[in-house]
N, C-alpha and C. Protein backbone atom coordinates (compact mmCIF):
# COMPACT_ATOMS: atom_id res chain seq x y z
N MET A 1 0.67 -1.09 0.07
CA MET A 1 -0.11 0.07 -0.26
C MET A 1 0.66 1.24 -0.22
N THR A 2 0.49 2.33 -0.63
CA THR A 2 1.11 3.70 -0.68
C THR A 2 0.56 4.91 -0.29
N ILE A 3 1.28 5.50 0.61
CA ILE A 3 0.60 6.97 1.48
C ILE A 3 0.62 7.59 0.57
N VAL A 4 -0.51 8.49 0.38
CA VAL A 4 -0.09 9.72 -0.76
C VAL A 4 -0.49 10.58 0.10
N LYS A 5 -0.19 11.96 -0.44
CA LYS A 5 -0.08 13.08 0.33
C LYS A 5 -1.36 14.29 0.05
N SER A 6 -1.69 13.60 -1.31
CA SER A 6 -2.81 14.29 -1.68
C SER A 6 -3.58 13.23 -2.52
N LEU A 7 -5.18 13.62 -2.79
CA LEU A 7 -5.82 12.79 -3.93
C LEU A 7 -5.73 13.10 -5.40
N LYS A 8 -5.59 12.15 -6.51
CA LYS A 8 -5.27 12.03 -7.88
C LYS A 8 -6.60 11.72 -8.59
N GLY A 9 -6.91 12.58 -9.52
CA GLY A 9 -7.55 11.06 -9.65
C GLY A 9 -9.56 11.25 -9.62
N GLU A 10 -10.21 11.34 -10.58
CA GLU A 10 -11.60 10.69 -9.41
C GLU A 10 -11.79 9.72 -9.03
N TYR A 11 -11.28 8.26 -9.13
CA TYR A 11 -11.33 7.07 -8.02
C TYR A 11 -10.57 7.80 -6.74
N GLN A 12 -9.48 8.12 -6.91
CA GLN A 12 -9.21 8.60 -5.40
C GLN A 12 -9.68 9.44 -4.67
N ILE A 13 -10.10 10.76 -5.69
CA ILE A 13 -10.72 11.58 -4.86
C ILE A 13 -12.20 11.13 -4.38
N LYS A 14 -12.95 10.11 -5.09
CA LYS A 14 -13.93 9.72 -4.71
C LYS A 14 -14.09 8.62 -3.47
N ASN A 15 -12.90 7.71 -3.20
CA ASN A 15 -12.76 6.76 -2.32
C ASN A 15 -11.88 7.67 -1.43
N GLY A 16 -11.36 8.61 -1.22
CA GLY A 16 -10.76 9.52 -0.18
C GLY A 16 -11.54 10.13 0.48
N TYR A 17 -12.19 11.52 -0.16
CA TYR A 17 -13.41 12.18 0.51
C TYR A 17 -14.85 11.28 0.44
N GLY A 18 -15.11 10.38 -0.52
CA GLY A 18 -16.33 9.84 0.44
C GLY A 18 -17.12 10.49 -0.83
N PRO A 19 -18.59 9.76 -1.32
CA PRO A 19 -19.76 10.16 -2.50
C PRO A 19 -20.37 11.96 -2.18
N GLU A 20 -20.50 11.95 -1.40
CA GLU A 20 -20.75 13.64 -0.89
C GLU A 20 -20.27 14.75 -1.07
N LYS A 21 -18.69 14.64 -0.82
CA LYS A 21 -17.98 15.40 -0.58
C LYS A 21 -16.85 15.13 -1.95
N ALA A 22 -16.91 14.65 -2.61
CA ALA A 22 -16.20 14.23 -3.98
C ALA A 22 -17.50 14.91 -4.98
N SER A 23 -18.34 14.42 -5.01
CA SER A 23 -19.31 15.48 -5.75
C SER A 23 -18.83 16.79 -5.85
N GLN A 24 -18.72 17.50 -4.63
CA GLN A 24 -19.17 18.69 -4.33
C GLN A 24 -17.38 19.59 -5.31
N VAL A 25 -15.97 18.78 -4.72
CA VAL A 25 -14.76 18.78 -4.79
C VAL A 25 -14.85 18.89 -6.94
N MET A 26 -15.40 17.65 -7.23
CA MET A 26 -15.34 17.39 -8.51
C MET A 26 -16.08 18.57 -8.88
N GLN A 27 -17.04 19.01 -9.16
CA GLN A 27 -18.24 20.32 -9.53
C GLN A 27 -17.31 21.59 -9.33
N GLU A 28 -16.61 22.01 -7.71
CA GLU A 28 -15.76 22.97 -8.39
C GLU A 28 -14.22 23.30 -8.99
N HIS A 29 -14.15 22.15 -9.45
CA HIS A 29 -12.97 21.65 -10.28
C HIS A 29 -13.79 22.17 -11.31
N TRP A 30 -14.94 21.31 -11.82
CA TRP A 30 -15.21 21.52 -13.28
C TRP A 30 -16.08 22.85 -13.80
N ASN A 31 -16.28 23.69 -12.95
CA ASN A 31 -16.85 25.02 -12.53
C ASN A 31 -15.65 26.16 -12.92
N THR A 32 -14.51 25.69 -12.79
CA THR A 32 -13.75 26.80 -12.50
C THR A 32 -12.35 26.46 -12.88
N TYR A 33 -12.06 25.37 -13.17
CA TYR A 33 -10.52 24.91 -14.03
C TYR A 33 -10.38 25.57 -15.04
N ILE A 34 -11.10 25.23 -16.00
CA ILE A 34 -11.54 26.04 -17.39
C ILE A 34 -12.58 26.81 -17.65
N THR A 35 -12.46 27.98 -18.14
CA THR A 35 -13.44 28.63 -18.46
C THR A 35 -13.43 29.46 -19.48
N ASP A 36 -14.58 29.83 -19.73
CA ASP A 36 -15.04 30.93 -21.14
C ASP A 36 -13.73 31.78 -21.49
N GLU A 37 -13.41 32.26 -20.26
CA GLU A 37 -12.33 33.21 -20.18
C GLU A 37 -11.47 32.09 -21.13
N ASP A 38 -11.09 31.11 -20.80
CA ASP A 38 -9.55 30.52 -20.97
C ASP A 38 -9.89 30.32 -22.53
N PHE A 39 -11.44 30.08 -22.84
CA PHE A 39 -11.23 30.06 -24.51
C PHE A 39 -11.30 31.15 -25.45
N ARG A 40 -11.36 32.28 -25.05
CA ARG A 40 -11.16 33.49 -25.51
C ARG A 40 -9.87 33.35 -25.81
N PHE A 41 -9.05 33.05 -24.35
CA PHE A 41 -7.24 33.79 -24.65
C PHE A 41 -6.82 33.55 -25.55
N MET A 42 -7.44 31.43 -25.48
CA MET A 42 -6.53 30.68 -26.80
C MET A 42 -7.17 31.05 -27.79
N SER A 43 -7.95 31.64 -28.07
CA SER A 43 -9.10 31.72 -29.83
C SER A 43 -8.23 33.47 -29.54
N SER A 44 -7.93 33.82 -29.05
CA SER A 44 -7.59 35.23 -28.90
C SER A 44 -5.80 34.98 -29.46
N ASN A 45 -5.24 34.50 -28.83
CA ASN A 45 -3.94 33.89 -29.46
C ASN A 45 -3.52 32.77 -30.47
N GLY A 46 -4.63 32.92 -31.48
CA GLY A 46 -5.07 31.84 -32.62
C GLY A 46 -4.65 30.97 -32.07
N LEU A 47 -5.06 29.83 -31.28
CA LEU A 47 -5.32 28.24 -31.06
C LEU A 47 -6.90 27.96 -32.20
N THR A 48 -6.66 27.03 -32.93
CA THR A 48 -8.01 26.98 -33.29
C THR A 48 -8.60 25.36 -33.06
N ALA A 49 -8.05 25.31 -32.51
CA ALA A 49 -8.31 23.90 -31.92
C ALA A 49 -7.81 22.93 -30.47
N VAL A 50 -8.80 22.59 -29.40
CA VAL A 50 -8.15 21.86 -28.12
C VAL A 50 -8.74 20.59 -27.80
N ARG A 51 -7.51 19.40 -27.65
CA ARG A 51 -8.19 18.87 -26.80
C ARG A 51 -8.57 18.58 -25.40
N ILE A 52 -9.27 17.87 -25.70
CA ILE A 52 -10.17 17.72 -24.23
C ILE A 52 -9.90 16.24 -23.62
N SER A 53 -9.65 15.60 -22.86
CA SER A 53 -8.97 14.32 -22.35
C SER A 53 -10.44 13.68 -21.46
N VAL A 54 -11.18 12.60 -21.46
CA VAL A 54 -12.29 12.19 -20.89
C VAL A 54 -12.15 10.93 -20.34
N GLY A 55 -12.85 10.42 -19.23
CA GLY A 55 -12.69 8.86 -19.40
C GLY A 55 -13.75 8.06 -19.63
N TRP A 56 -13.74 6.83 -19.73
CA TRP A 56 -14.46 6.43 -20.41
C TRP A 56 -15.84 6.20 -19.64
N TRP A 57 -15.96 6.44 -18.66
CA TRP A 57 -17.27 6.57 -17.43
C TRP A 57 -18.54 7.90 -18.12
N ILE A 58 -17.81 8.77 -18.70
CA ILE A 58 -18.58 10.06 -19.29
C ILE A 58 -19.76 9.30 -19.93
N ALA A 59 -19.54 7.83 -20.56
CA ALA A 59 -21.33 7.17 -21.48
C ALA A 59 -21.91 7.10 -20.65
N GLN A 60 -21.76 7.11 -19.44
CA GLN A 60 -22.75 6.72 -18.56
C GLN A 60 -22.74 7.90 -17.38
N ASP A 61 -22.66 9.41 -17.66
CA ASP A 61 -22.52 10.25 -16.98
C ASP A 61 -23.55 10.25 -15.85
N GLN A 62 -24.53 10.14 -16.22
CA GLN A 62 -25.37 10.59 -14.74
C GLN A 62 -25.24 9.28 -13.68
N THR A 63 -24.97 8.32 -14.09
CA THR A 63 -24.68 7.10 -12.79
C THR A 63 -23.54 6.89 -12.96
N PRO A 64 -22.47 7.28 -13.34
CA PRO A 64 -21.42 6.21 -13.78
C PRO A 64 -21.12 4.93 -12.81
N PRO A 65 -20.30 4.02 -12.90
CA PRO A 65 -19.58 3.25 -12.31
C PRO A 65 -19.31 3.63 -10.74
N LYS A 66 -19.25 2.95 -9.80
CA LYS A 66 -18.34 3.43 -8.52
C LYS A 66 -16.91 3.33 -9.10
N PRO A 67 -16.26 4.56 -8.81
CA PRO A 67 -15.96 5.17 -7.66
C PRO A 67 -16.21 6.58 -8.65
N PHE A 68 -16.35 6.64 -9.86
CA PHE A 68 -16.55 7.39 -10.75
C PHE A 68 -17.75 8.77 -10.13
N VAL A 69 -17.82 9.91 -10.46
CA VAL A 69 -18.37 11.41 -10.09
C VAL A 69 -19.59 11.46 -11.30
N GLY A 70 -20.58 11.51 -10.88
CA GLY A 70 -21.28 11.79 -12.05
C GLY A 70 -21.65 13.27 -12.16
N SER A 71 -22.11 13.71 -13.70
CA SER A 71 -21.89 14.98 -14.34
C SER A 71 -21.19 15.54 -14.68
N SER A 72 -19.91 14.89 -15.33
CA SER A 72 -18.36 15.82 -15.79
C SER A 72 -18.97 15.88 -17.21
N LEU A 73 -20.49 15.29 -18.06
CA LEU A 73 -20.78 15.38 -19.35
C LEU A 73 -20.47 17.19 -19.27
N HIS A 74 -21.44 17.68 -18.45
CA HIS A 74 -21.80 19.17 -18.61
C HIS A 74 -20.26 19.76 -18.50
N ALA A 75 -19.56 19.25 -18.02
CA ALA A 75 -18.29 20.31 -18.32
C ALA A 75 -17.53 20.38 -19.49
N LEU A 76 -18.28 18.85 -20.56
CA LEU A 76 -17.72 18.51 -21.75
C LEU A 76 -18.53 19.93 -22.36
N ASP A 77 -19.88 19.46 -22.16
CA ASP A 77 -20.31 20.95 -23.07
C ASP A 77 -20.38 22.35 -23.21
N ASN A 78 -19.77 22.26 -22.18
CA ASN A 78 -19.30 23.72 -21.80
C ASN A 78 -18.47 24.27 -22.54
N ALA A 79 -17.45 23.42 -22.60
CA ALA A 79 -16.25 23.17 -23.85
C ALA A 79 -17.20 23.42 -25.10
N PHE A 80 -17.72 22.42 -25.34
CA PHE A 80 -18.22 22.54 -26.78
C PHE A 80 -19.01 23.99 -26.96
N THR A 81 -19.92 24.33 -26.42
CA THR A 81 -20.48 25.95 -26.36
C THR A 81 -19.30 26.65 -26.65
N TRP A 82 -18.29 26.88 -25.64
CA TRP A 82 -17.09 27.86 -25.71
C TRP A 82 -16.08 27.93 -26.70
N ALA A 83 -16.40 26.42 -26.97
CA ALA A 83 -15.33 26.80 -28.75
C ALA A 83 -15.84 26.62 -29.82
N TYR A 84 -17.47 26.89 -29.60
CA TYR A 84 -17.97 27.04 -30.79
C TYR A 84 -18.38 29.01 -30.57
N LYS A 85 -18.62 29.42 -29.62
CA LYS A 85 -18.57 30.93 -29.49
C LYS A 85 -16.94 31.62 -30.07
N TYR A 86 -15.91 30.60 -29.79
CA TYR A 86 -14.24 31.25 -30.38
C TYR A 86 -14.16 30.54 -31.69
N GLY A 87 -14.83 29.99 -32.14
CA GLY A 87 -14.57 29.62 -33.70
C GLY A 87 -13.53 28.34 -33.46
N MET A 88 -13.68 27.97 -32.41
CA MET A 88 -12.25 26.74 -32.57
C MET A 88 -13.23 25.47 -32.79
N LYS A 89 -12.24 24.42 -32.79
CA LYS A 89 -12.52 22.82 -32.79
C LYS A 89 -12.00 21.90 -31.53
N VAL A 90 -13.02 21.26 -31.19
CA VAL A 90 -12.99 20.04 -30.20
C VAL A 90 -12.85 19.00 -30.50
N ILE A 91 -11.03 18.40 -29.81
CA ILE A 91 -10.57 17.06 -30.32
C ILE A 91 -11.51 16.24 -28.88
N VAL A 92 -11.82 15.28 -28.93
CA VAL A 92 -12.71 14.81 -27.64
C VAL A 92 -10.74 13.30 -27.86
N ASP A 93 -10.44 13.14 -26.49
CA ASP A 93 -9.59 11.90 -26.52
C ASP A 93 -10.45 11.31 -25.38
N LEU A 94 -10.35 9.76 -25.90
CA LEU A 94 -10.86 9.13 -24.96
C LEU A 94 -9.27 8.69 -23.99
N HIS A 95 -9.14 9.69 -22.84
CA HIS A 95 -7.51 9.37 -22.20
C HIS A 95 -7.13 7.63 -21.20
N ALA A 96 -8.87 7.70 -20.74
CA ALA A 96 -8.60 7.01 -20.09
C ALA A 96 -10.11 5.54 -20.33
N VAL A 97 -9.15 4.11 -20.11
CA VAL A 97 -9.78 3.51 -21.34
C VAL A 97 -10.39 2.37 -20.03
N GLN A 98 -11.32 1.59 -19.48
CA GLN A 98 -11.66 0.93 -18.95
C GLN A 98 -10.65 0.03 -18.67
N GLY A 99 -10.16 -0.62 -17.46
CA GLY A 99 -8.79 -1.47 -16.94
C GLY A 99 -7.52 -0.49 -16.75
N SER A 100 -7.90 0.42 -17.11
CA SER A 100 -6.12 1.64 -17.07
C SER A 100 -5.51 0.94 -17.80
N LYS A 101 -5.05 2.18 -19.26
CA LYS A 101 -4.08 1.47 -19.99
C LYS A 101 -2.48 1.27 -19.45
N ILE A 102 -2.21 2.34 -18.15
CA ILE A 102 -1.02 2.24 -17.81
C ILE A 102 -0.93 2.39 -16.14
N GLY A 103 -2.05 2.73 -15.21
CA GLY A 103 -2.38 2.74 -14.17
C GLY A 103 -1.93 4.25 -13.98
N ASN A 104 -1.83 4.74 -14.28
CA ASN A 104 -1.78 6.01 -13.52
C ASN A 104 -3.48 6.65 -13.25
N ASP A 105 -3.10 7.84 -12.29
CA ASP A 105 -4.24 8.40 -11.72
C ASP A 105 -5.04 9.16 -12.36
N HIS A 106 -4.50 9.86 -14.08
CA HIS A 106 -4.97 10.57 -14.64
C HIS A 106 -5.54 9.55 -15.66
N ASN A 107 -5.70 8.44 -15.11
CA ASN A 107 -6.15 7.38 -16.01
C ASN A 107 -7.48 6.17 -15.94
N GLY A 108 -7.50 6.62 -15.26
CA GLY A 108 -8.97 6.02 -14.26
C GLY A 108 -8.11 4.46 -13.65
N ALA A 109 -6.90 4.97 -12.85
CA ALA A 109 -6.37 3.74 -12.19
C ALA A 109 -7.05 3.61 -11.10
N ARG A 110 -7.09 2.64 -10.40
CA ARG A 110 -7.54 2.02 -9.05
C ARG A 110 -5.78 2.30 -8.50
N ASP A 111 -5.50 3.80 -7.46
CA ASP A 111 -4.07 3.44 -7.41
C ASP A 111 -3.13 2.79 -8.15
N GLY A 112 -3.11 3.15 -8.84
CA GLY A 112 -1.97 2.97 -9.76
C GLY A 112 -1.52 1.37 -10.13
N PHE A 113 -2.94 0.47 -10.24
CA PHE A 113 -3.09 -0.25 -10.61
C PHE A 113 -3.71 -0.47 -12.65
N GLN A 114 -2.80 -1.91 -12.96
CA GLN A 114 -3.40 -1.41 -14.36
C GLN A 114 -3.70 -2.91 -14.37
N GLU A 115 -4.72 -2.99 -14.84
CA GLU A 115 -5.49 -4.21 -15.46
C GLU A 115 -6.27 -4.55 -16.69
N TRP A 116 -5.27 -3.44 -17.72
CA TRP A 116 -6.19 -3.26 -18.81
C TRP A 116 -5.66 -4.44 -19.79
N GLY A 117 -5.84 -5.59 -20.57
CA GLY A 117 -5.30 -6.05 -21.18
C GLY A 117 -5.67 -7.48 -21.52
N ASP A 118 -5.01 -8.61 -20.94
CA ASP A 118 -4.92 -9.42 -21.58
C ASP A 118 -6.47 -9.97 -19.67
N SER A 119 -6.62 -9.56 -19.03
CA SER A 119 -7.44 -9.48 -17.76
C SER A 119 -8.50 -9.58 -18.02
N ASN A 120 -9.01 -8.56 -19.03
CA ASN A 120 -10.25 -8.37 -19.33
C ASN A 120 -11.52 -7.85 -18.14
N ILE A 121 -11.08 -7.52 -17.36
CA ILE A 121 -12.02 -7.18 -16.23
C ILE A 121 -12.79 -5.81 -16.73
N LYS A 122 -13.67 -5.62 -16.18
CA LYS A 122 -14.79 -4.84 -17.74
C LYS A 122 -14.74 -3.42 -16.44
N ASP A 123 -14.63 -3.20 -15.30
CA ASP A 123 -14.61 -1.58 -14.82
C ASP A 123 -13.30 -1.79 -13.46
N SER A 124 -12.02 -1.31 -13.95
CA SER A 124 -10.87 -1.55 -12.84
C SER A 124 -11.38 -0.56 -12.18
N GLY A 125 -11.48 0.55 -12.47
CA GLY A 125 -12.07 1.50 -10.97
C GLY A 125 -13.19 1.26 -10.22
N SER A 126 -13.90 0.23 -10.45
CA SER A 126 -15.19 0.28 -10.15
C SER A 126 -15.25 -1.45 -9.43
N GLN A 127 -13.89 -2.47 -9.58
CA GLN A 127 -13.98 -2.92 -8.41
C GLN A 127 -13.91 -3.42 -7.15
N THR A 128 -14.52 -3.93 -6.67
CA THR A 128 -14.05 -3.94 -4.98
C THR A 128 -14.26 -5.18 -4.71
N SER A 129 -13.37 -5.41 -3.18
CA SER A 129 -13.92 -6.78 -2.49
C SER A 129 -14.78 -6.99 -2.06
């Protein structure tokens, strides 16, 4: 077991804070991390496209499997709205696949555990004993 001093990624945030607090933390993050002003700035400086990384669980947004937090699709919707407003394109990057392809927190992993590949475990982040 590795003891960390900060929680990274939705898996650790949900397990560390619990469902209610994790939802509040993630909502605050989604509402403030990237804003309309950021898209305005990027566009005014010549950027024409933005890449947005998403996890596989966004497809089940309102009721994602445990321990992921619902409502992230709203943040993606905002990004599309702002990109359109400033004449930008959006590249959606499926950054985290079921089973975590590399085991890192930004990849939907269970604390560094990689299950993608031959194991065929359906939802690595939601497996509990």
